[in-house]
């Protein structure tokens, strides 16, 4: 089984993977400019992923 730090690394890797997939799907890696609506969407997604990473880290490290 994975220890606490293995689970923490898995959570952070999944959050990074979600970030890459959502950014790619929203067109953040295109050579053209990104629309302001898309920028706001990605900002909201980034905030959500940061919250998920923080909650996951707290749960793994303190429980």
Protein backbone atom coordinates (compact mmCIF):
# COMPACT_ATOMS: atom_id res chain seq x y z
CA UNK A 1 0.00 0.00 0.00
CA UNK A 2 0.99 3.58 -0.46
CA UNK A 3 2.04 5.60 2.52
CA UNK A 4 0.84 9.10 3.28
CA UNK A 5 3.38 10.73 1.01
CA UNK A 6 2.60 8.35 -1.84
CA UNK A 7 -1.06 9.29 -1.60
CA UNK A 8 -0.13 12.98 -1.46
CA UNK A 9 1.99 12.64 -4.60
CA UNK A 10 -0.85 10.81 -6.34
CA UNK A 11 -3.34 13.56 -5.42
CA UNK A 12 -1.01 16.31 -6.64
CA UNK A 13 -0.26 14.41 -9.86
CA UNK A 14 -3.98 14.01 -10.56
CA UNK A 15 -4.61 17.70 -9.91
CA UNK A 16 -1.80 18.60 -12.34
CA UNK A 17 -3.21 16.18 -14.91
CA UNK A 18 -6.68 17.74 -14.55
CA UNK A 19 -5.13 21.19 -15.03
CA UNK A 20 -3.38 20.14 -18.24
CA UNK A 21 -6.46 18.41 -19.68
CA UNK A 22 -8.84 21.26 -18.86
CA UNK A 23 -6.41 23.89 -20.16
CA UNK A 24 -5.87 21.92 -23.36
CA UNK A 25 -9.61 21.47 -23.83
CA UNK A 26 -10.27 25.18 -23.28
CA UNK A 27 -7.65 26.12 -25.86
CA UNK A 28 -5.11 27.70 -23.55
CA UNK A 29 -2.21 26.21 -25.53
CA UNK A 30 -3.33 27.59 -28.91
CA UNK A 31 -1.12 30.02 -30.76
CA UNK A 32 -4.04 32.45 -31.20
CA UNK A 33 -5.13 34.71 -28.40
CA UNK A 34 -7.40 33.36 -25.70
CA UNK A 35 -10.80 34.98 -25.22
CA UNK A 36 -11.52 36.80 -21.98
CA UNK A 37 -14.35 34.36 -21.19
CA UNK A 38 -11.93 31.48 -21.47
CA UNK A 39 -9.41 33.27 -19.24
CA UNK A 40 -12.08 33.74 -16.55
CA UNK A 41 -13.08 30.08 -16.87
CA UNK A 42 -9.47 28.92 -16.50
CA UNK A 43 -8.96 31.23 -13.52
CA UNK A 44 -11.99 29.67 -11.81
CA UNK A 45 -10.74 26.18 -12.61
CA UNK A 46 -7.29 27.04 -11.22
CA UNK A 47 -8.85 28.28 -7.98
CA UNK A 48 -10.90 25.08 -7.71
CA UNK A 49 -7.87 22.88 -8.32
CA UNK A 50 -5.83 24.78 -5.73
CA UNK A 51 -8.61 24.25 -3.18
CA UNK A 52 -8.75 20.53 -4.03
CA UNK A 53 -4.96 20.24 -3.68
CA UNK A 54 -4.96 22.06 -0.34
CA UNK A 55 -7.82 20.01 1.10
CA UNK A 56 -6.22 16.79 -0.11
CA UNK A 57 -2.88 17.78 1.39
CA UNK A 58 -4.43 18.67 4.75
CA UNK A 59 -6.40 15.43 4.86
CA UNK A 60 -3.40 13.29 4.00
CA UNK A 61 -0.91 15.01 6.27
CA UNK A 62 -3.08 15.53 9.37
CA UNK A 63 -5.37 12.50 9.40
